[in-house]
Amino acid sequence: MDAAVDRLVDLRYLDDRLFAEGHVRRRSATRGPLAPSAELAARGVDRALADRAVQGIDPESQLAAATRLVERMAGQKSFAGYRELLDSTGPKLVRRGFAPGIVRRACRAVWEGTVPASEA
């Protein structure tokens, strides 16, 4: 059994670092960094490896992903103000692992209509 595991490690089929990086890359389009980190920990990946993989997500990418989600969640609804938009979509984004500061910036960008062309 140990020989088989050693062989899989040698062939890089069992590589927690590569798994963590790939998982974060896949999930970062719809999740903030806290969610993939918790998911990796739940799957038994070392916390230090998970943290290193999550550090690869830059703040601008997080903001772009959060902004896209706010736009999608807000949909065709009409909100009386920024605060109502934030109260409606904010908790959902926090549950998806986005930091509150990123959530506020994303909601502000959507509310003010200042979403950069590259994010639209």
N, C-alpha and C. Protein backbone atom coordinates (compact mmCIF):
# COMPACT_ATOMS: atom_id res chain seq x y z
N MET A 1 0.82 -1.19 0.00
CA MET A 1 0.00 0.00 0.00
C MET A 1 0.86 1.25 0.00
N ASP A 2 1.90 1.29 0.84
CA ASP A 2 2.77 2.46 0.90
C ASP A 2 3.49 2.67 -0.42
N ALA A 3 3.84 1.60 -1.09
CA ALA A 3 4.52 1.72 -2.38
C ALA A 3 3.59 2.35 -3.41
N ALA A 4 2.33 2.00 -3.36
CA ALA A 4 1.37 2.58 -4.31
C ALA A 4 1.20 4.08 -4.05
N VAL A 5 1.10 4.45 -2.79
CA VAL A 5 0.97 5.87 -2.45
C VAL A 5 2.23 6.63 -2.85
N ASP A 6 3.38 6.04 -2.57
CA ASP A 6 4.65 6.68 -2.97
C ASP A 6 4.71 6.88 -4.48
N ARG A 7 4.25 5.91 -5.22
CA ARG A 7 4.24 6.00 -6.68
C ARG A 7 3.32 7.13 -7.15
N LEU A 8 2.15 7.24 -6.53
CA LEU A 8 1.22 8.31 -6.89
C LEU A 8 1.80 9.69 -6.56
N VAL A 9 2.52 9.78 -5.45
CA VAL A 9 3.17 11.04 -5.10
C VAL A 9 4.26 11.37 -6.12
N ASP A 10 5.06 10.36 -6.49
CA ASP A 10 6.12 10.57 -7.49
C ASP A 10 5.55 11.03 -8.83
N LEU A 11 4.40 10.51 -9.20
CA LEU A 11 3.77 10.89 -10.46
C LEU A 11 2.97 12.20 -10.35
N ARG A 12 2.94 12.76 -9.13
CA ARG A 12 2.24 14.01 -8.82
C ARG A 12 0.73 13.89 -8.94
N TYR A 13 0.20 12.68 -8.80
CA TYR A 13 -1.24 12.51 -8.73
C TYR A 13 -1.76 12.86 -7.34
N LEU A 14 -0.90 12.72 -6.35
CA LEU A 14 -1.21 13.10 -4.97
C LEU A 14 -0.30 14.28 -4.61
N ASP A 15 -0.78 15.47 -4.81
CA ASP A 15 0.00 16.67 -4.53
C ASP A 15 -0.96 17.72 -3.96
N ASP A 16 -0.93 17.87 -2.66
CA ASP A 16 -1.86 18.79 -2.01
C ASP A 16 -1.69 20.23 -2.49
N ARG A 17 -0.46 20.64 -2.77
CA ARG A 17 -0.22 22.01 -3.23
C ARG A 17 -0.90 22.26 -4.56
N LEU A 18 -0.72 21.34 -5.51
CA LEU A 18 -1.35 21.49 -6.82
C LEU A 18 -2.87 21.42 -6.71
N PHE A 19 -3.35 20.52 -5.87
CA PHE A 19 -4.79 20.41 -5.66
C PHE A 19 -5.35 21.72 -5.09
N ALA A 20 -4.67 22.27 -4.08
CA ALA A 20 -5.13 23.51 -3.45
C ALA A 20 -5.15 24.65 -4.45
N GLU A 21 -4.10 24.78 -5.24
CA GLU A 21 -4.03 25.87 -6.22
C GLU A 21 -5.14 25.73 -7.27
N GLY A 22 -5.37 24.53 -7.74
CA GLY A 22 -6.41 24.30 -8.72
C GLY A 22 -7.80 24.56 -8.15
N HIS A 23 -8.01 24.12 -6.93
CA HIS A 23 -9.30 24.32 -6.28
C HIS A 23 -9.59 25.81 -6.11
N VAL A 24 -8.61 26.55 -5.65
CA VAL A 24 -8.79 27.99 -5.46
C VAL A 24 -9.04 28.68 -6.80
N ARG A 25 -8.31 28.28 -7.81
CA ARG A 25 -8.48 28.87 -9.15
C ARG A 25 -9.91 28.64 -9.67
N ARG A 26 -10.42 27.44 -9.49
CA ARG A 26 -11.78 27.12 -9.95
C ARG A 26 -12.85 27.85 -9.15
N ARG A 27 -12.68 27.92 -7.87
CA ARG A 27 -13.71 28.47 -7.00
C ARG A 27 -13.67 29.99 -6.87
N SER A 28 -12.56 30.63 -7.23
CA SER A 28 -12.44 32.07 -6.99
C SER A 28 -13.33 32.91 -7.90
N ALA A 29 -13.91 32.33 -8.93
CA ALA A 29 -14.82 33.09 -9.80
C ALA A 29 -16.16 33.35 -9.11
N THR A 30 -16.52 32.50 -8.17
CA THR A 30 -17.81 32.65 -7.51
C THR A 30 -17.71 32.64 -5.99
N ARG A 31 -16.52 32.58 -5.47
CA ARG A 31 -16.32 32.53 -4.02
C ARG A 31 -15.19 33.47 -3.63
N GLY A 32 -15.32 34.03 -2.43
CA GLY A 32 -14.24 34.81 -1.86
C GLY A 32 -13.19 33.88 -1.30
N PRO A 33 -12.04 34.39 -0.91
CA PRO A 33 -10.94 33.52 -0.46
C PRO A 33 -11.22 32.72 0.80
N LEU A 34 -12.13 33.17 1.62
CA LEU A 34 -12.41 32.44 2.86
C LEU A 34 -13.10 31.10 2.59
N ALA A 35 -13.94 31.05 1.58
CA ALA A 35 -14.68 29.81 1.28
C ALA A 35 -13.76 28.70 0.79
N PRO A 36 -12.93 28.93 -0.25
CA PRO A 36 -12.05 27.83 -0.69
C PRO A 36 -11.07 27.40 0.39
N SER A 37 -10.63 28.34 1.22
CA SER A 37 -9.73 27.98 2.31
C SER A 37 -10.40 27.01 3.27
N ALA A 38 -11.65 27.29 3.63
CA ALA A 38 -12.39 26.39 4.53
C ALA A 38 -12.67 25.06 3.86
N GLU A 39 -13.00 25.10 2.56
CA GLU A 39 -13.26 23.85 1.83
C GLU A 39 -12.01 22.96 1.79
N LEU A 40 -10.86 23.59 1.58
CA LEU A 40 -9.62 22.81 1.55
C LEU A 40 -9.31 22.21 2.91
N ALA A 41 -9.51 22.99 3.95
CA ALA A 41 -9.28 22.47 5.30
C ALA A 41 -10.21 21.30 5.58
N ALA A 42 -11.45 21.39 5.14
CA ALA A 42 -12.41 20.31 5.35
C ALA A 42 -12.00 19.05 4.60
N ARG A 43 -11.25 19.22 3.52
CA ARG A 43 -10.79 18.07 2.73
C ARG A 43 -9.44 17.55 3.21
N GLY A 44 -8.94 18.10 4.30
CA GLY A 44 -7.71 17.58 4.89
C GLY A 44 -6.43 18.19 4.36
N VAL A 45 -6.53 19.27 3.60
CA VAL A 45 -5.33 19.93 3.11
C VAL A 45 -4.75 20.77 4.25
N ASP A 46 -3.45 20.70 4.41
CA ASP A 46 -2.76 21.45 5.44
C ASP A 46 -3.14 22.93 5.36
N ARG A 47 -3.40 23.54 6.50
CA ARG A 47 -3.86 24.94 6.54
C ARG A 47 -2.83 25.89 5.91
N ALA A 48 -1.56 25.63 6.10
CA ALA A 48 -0.52 26.50 5.50
C ALA A 48 -0.57 26.43 3.97
N LEU A 49 -0.77 25.22 3.42
CA LEU A 49 -0.90 25.09 1.96
C LEU A 49 -2.15 25.79 1.45
N ALA A 50 -3.23 25.65 2.18
CA ALA A 50 -4.48 26.31 1.79
C ALA A 50 -4.31 27.82 1.81
N ASP A 51 -3.68 28.33 2.85
CA ASP A 51 -3.47 29.78 2.96
C ASP A 51 -2.59 30.30 1.83
N ARG A 52 -1.55 29.57 1.48
CA ARG A 52 -0.67 29.99 0.36
C ARG A 52 -1.44 30.01 -0.95
N ALA A 53 -2.28 29.03 -1.16
CA ALA A 53 -3.06 28.98 -2.41
C ALA A 53 -4.03 30.16 -2.48
N VAL A 54 -4.63 30.50 -1.36
CA VAL A 54 -5.60 31.59 -1.33
C VAL A 54 -4.92 32.94 -1.49
N GLN A 55 -3.68 33.07 -1.06
CA GLN A 55 -2.96 34.32 -1.20
C GLN A 55 -2.75 34.70 -2.66
N GLY A 56 -2.89 33.74 -3.56
CA GLY A 56 -2.73 34.00 -4.98
C GLY A 56 -3.89 34.79 -5.58
N ILE A 57 -4.98 34.95 -4.84
CA ILE A 57 -6.12 35.71 -5.34
C ILE A 57 -5.89 37.18 -5.00
N ASP A 58 -5.70 38.00 -6.02
CA ASP A 58 -5.44 39.41 -5.75
C ASP A 58 -6.75 40.14 -5.44
N PRO A 59 -6.68 41.25 -4.71
CA PRO A 59 -7.88 41.99 -4.32
C PRO A 59 -8.73 42.46 -5.51
N GLU A 60 -8.11 42.83 -6.60
CA GLU A 60 -8.88 43.28 -7.77
C GLU A 60 -9.69 42.15 -8.38
N SER A 61 -9.14 40.95 -8.39
CA SER A 61 -9.90 39.79 -8.88
C SER A 61 -11.07 39.48 -7.95
N GLN A 62 -10.84 39.60 -6.64
CA GLN A 62 -11.91 39.40 -5.68
C GLN A 62 -13.02 40.41 -5.90
N LEU A 63 -12.64 41.67 -6.10
CA LEU A 63 -13.63 42.72 -6.31
C LEU A 63 -14.41 42.47 -7.60
N ALA A 64 -13.72 42.07 -8.66
CA ALA A 64 -14.39 41.79 -9.93
C ALA A 64 -15.40 40.66 -9.78
N ALA A 65 -15.01 39.58 -9.09
CA ALA A 65 -15.92 38.45 -8.89
C ALA A 65 -17.12 38.86 -8.03
N ALA A 66 -16.86 39.62 -6.97
CA ALA A 66 -17.95 40.06 -6.10
C ALA A 66 -18.89 41.00 -6.85
N THR A 67 -18.34 41.87 -7.68
CA THR A 67 -19.18 42.80 -8.45
C THR A 67 -20.08 42.05 -9.42
N ARG A 68 -19.53 41.05 -10.10
CA ARG A 68 -20.35 40.25 -11.01
C ARG A 68 -21.49 39.56 -10.25
N LEU A 69 -21.19 39.07 -9.07
CA LEU A 69 -22.23 38.40 -8.28
C LEU A 69 -23.30 39.39 -7.81
N VAL A 70 -22.89 40.58 -7.40
CA VAL A 70 -23.88 41.58 -6.98
C VAL A 70 -24.79 41.93 -8.14
N GLU A 71 -24.20 42.12 -9.32
CA GLU A 71 -25.02 42.43 -10.50
C GLU A 71 -26.02 41.32 -10.78
N ARG A 72 -25.55 40.09 -10.69
CA ARG A 72 -26.43 38.94 -10.96
C ARG A 72 -27.52 38.82 -9.89
N MET A 73 -27.15 38.98 -8.63
CA MET A 73 -28.11 38.85 -7.54
C MET A 73 -29.13 39.98 -7.54
N ALA A 74 -28.68 41.17 -7.88
CA ALA A 74 -29.58 42.33 -7.91
C ALA A 74 -30.55 42.20 -9.07
N GLY A 75 -30.07 41.64 -10.18
CA GLY A 75 -30.92 41.40 -11.34
C GLY A 75 -31.71 42.62 -11.76
N GLN A 76 -32.98 42.42 -11.97
CA GLN A 76 -33.86 43.50 -12.41
C GLN A 76 -34.57 44.19 -11.23
N LYS A 77 -34.19 43.84 -10.02
CA LYS A 77 -34.82 44.43 -8.85
C LYS A 77 -34.49 45.92 -8.77
N SER A 78 -35.39 46.65 -8.14
CA SER A 78 -35.19 48.07 -7.93
C SER A 78 -34.91 48.28 -6.45
N PHE A 79 -33.84 48.98 -6.15
CA PHE A 79 -33.47 49.24 -4.77
C PHE A 79 -33.59 50.73 -4.50
N ALA A 80 -34.07 51.08 -3.31
CA ALA A 80 -34.27 52.48 -2.94
C ALA A 80 -32.94 53.20 -2.74
N GLY A 81 -31.91 52.44 -2.38
CA GLY A 81 -30.62 53.07 -2.12
C GLY A 81 -29.52 52.04 -2.00
N TYR A 82 -28.31 52.55 -1.85
CA TYR A 82 -27.13 51.69 -1.71
C TYR A 82 -27.30 50.74 -0.53
N ARG A 83 -27.79 51.27 0.59
CA ARG A 83 -27.92 50.46 1.80
C ARG A 83 -28.86 49.28 1.58
N GLU A 84 -29.93 49.49 0.87
CA GLU A 84 -30.87 48.40 0.59
C GLU A 84 -30.22 47.33 -0.30
N LEU A 85 -29.45 47.77 -1.28
CA LEU A 85 -28.70 46.83 -2.13
C LEU A 85 -27.71 46.03 -1.29
N LEU A 86 -26.98 46.73 -0.44
CA LEU A 86 -26.01 46.07 0.43
C LEU A 86 -26.68 45.09 1.38
N ASP A 87 -27.79 45.49 1.96
CA ASP A 87 -28.50 44.60 2.90
C ASP A 87 -29.07 43.37 2.20
N SER A 88 -29.42 43.51 0.93
CA SER A 88 -30.00 42.40 0.18
C SER A 88 -28.93 41.41 -0.29
N THR A 89 -27.85 41.93 -0.85
CA THR A 89 -26.84 41.05 -1.45
C THR A 89 -25.64 40.79 -0.55
N GLY A 90 -25.35 41.71 0.36
CA GLY A 90 -24.16 41.59 1.20
C GLY A 90 -24.03 40.29 1.97
N PRO A 91 -25.06 39.91 2.73
CA PRO A 91 -24.94 38.66 3.50
C PRO A 91 -24.69 37.43 2.62
N LYS A 92 -25.25 37.43 1.43
CA LYS A 92 -25.05 36.30 0.52
C LYS A 92 -23.58 36.21 0.09
N LEU A 93 -22.97 37.37 -0.17
CA LEU A 93 -21.57 37.38 -0.58
C LEU A 93 -20.64 37.02 0.57
N VAL A 94 -20.98 37.47 1.77
CA VAL A 94 -20.17 37.12 2.95
C VAL A 94 -20.21 35.62 3.16
N ARG A 95 -21.40 35.00 2.98
CA ARG A 95 -21.50 33.54 3.12
C ARG A 95 -20.69 32.82 2.05
N ARG A 96 -20.46 33.48 0.94
CA ARG A 96 -19.65 32.88 -0.13
C ARG A 96 -18.16 33.13 0.09
N GLY A 97 -17.79 33.73 1.19
CA GLY A 97 -16.38 33.87 1.54
C GLY A 97 -15.73 35.19 1.20
N PHE A 98 -16.52 36.19 0.80
CA PHE A 98 -15.95 37.50 0.51
C PHE A 98 -15.85 38.31 1.79
N ALA A 99 -14.78 39.08 1.91
CA ALA A 99 -14.60 39.96 3.07
C ALA A 99 -15.60 41.10 2.99
N PRO A 100 -16.07 41.58 4.14
CA PRO A 100 -17.05 42.67 4.15
C PRO A 100 -16.61 43.92 3.37
N GLY A 101 -15.34 44.26 3.41
CA GLY A 101 -14.85 45.42 2.67
C GLY A 101 -15.01 45.25 1.17
N ILE A 102 -14.73 44.06 0.68
CA ILE A 102 -14.89 43.77 -0.75
C ILE A 102 -16.37 43.82 -1.12
N VAL A 103 -17.22 43.31 -0.25
CA VAL A 103 -18.67 43.31 -0.50
C VAL A 103 -19.17 44.75 -0.61
N ARG A 104 -18.74 45.60 0.32
CA ARG A 104 -19.18 47.00 0.28
C ARG A 104 -18.71 47.69 -1.00
N ARG A 105 -17.46 47.46 -1.39
CA ARG A 105 -16.94 48.08 -2.61
C ARG A 105 -17.69 47.59 -3.85
N ALA A 106 -18.01 46.30 -3.89
CA ALA A 106 -18.73 45.74 -5.04
C ALA A 106 -20.14 46.33 -5.12
N CYS A 107 -20.82 46.41 -3.99
CA CYS A 107 -22.17 46.98 -3.98
C CYS A 107 -22.12 48.46 -4.36
N ARG A 108 -21.12 49.16 -3.89
CA ARG A 108 -20.98 50.59 -4.23
C ARG A 108 -20.76 50.75 -5.73
N ALA A 109 -19.92 49.90 -6.32
CA ALA A 109 -19.66 49.99 -7.76
C ALA A 109 -20.92 49.73 -8.56
N VAL A 110 -21.70 48.75 -8.16
CA VAL A 110 -22.94 48.44 -8.87
C VAL A 110 -23.95 49.56 -8.68
N TRP A 111 -24.07 50.05 -7.45
CA TRP A 111 -25.05 51.10 -7.17
C TRP A 111 -24.72 52.38 -7.95
N GLU A 112 -23.45 52.73 -8.01
CA GLU A 112 -23.05 53.96 -8.69
C GLU A 112 -22.88 53.77 -10.19
N GLY A 113 -22.97 52.52 -10.63
CA GLY A 113 -22.81 52.26 -12.06
C GLY A 113 -21.39 52.48 -12.53
N THR A 114 -20.44 52.23 -11.64
CA THR A 114 -19.03 52.47 -11.97
C THR A 114 -18.28 51.18 -12.23
N VAL A 115 -18.98 50.17 -12.69
CA VAL A 115 -18.33 48.90 -12.97
C VAL A 115 -17.41 49.10 -14.18
N PRO A 116 -16.10 48.84 -14.02
CA PRO A 116 -15.19 48.99 -15.16
C PRO A 116 -15.60 48.10 -16.33
N ALA A 117 -15.29 48.55 -17.52
CA ALA A 117 -15.68 47.81 -18.74
C ALA A 117 -15.14 46.38 -18.74
N SER A 118 -13.98 46.16 -18.17
CA SER A 118 -13.40 44.82 -18.16
C SER A 118 -14.18 43.86 -17.28
N GLU A 119 -14.99 44.38 -16.35
CA GLU A 119 -15.77 43.53 -15.46
C GLU A 119 -17.18 43.31 -15.96
N ALA A 120 -17.64 44.15 -16.86
CA ALA A 120 -19.03 44.06 -17.31
C ALA A 120 -19.27 42.87 -18.20
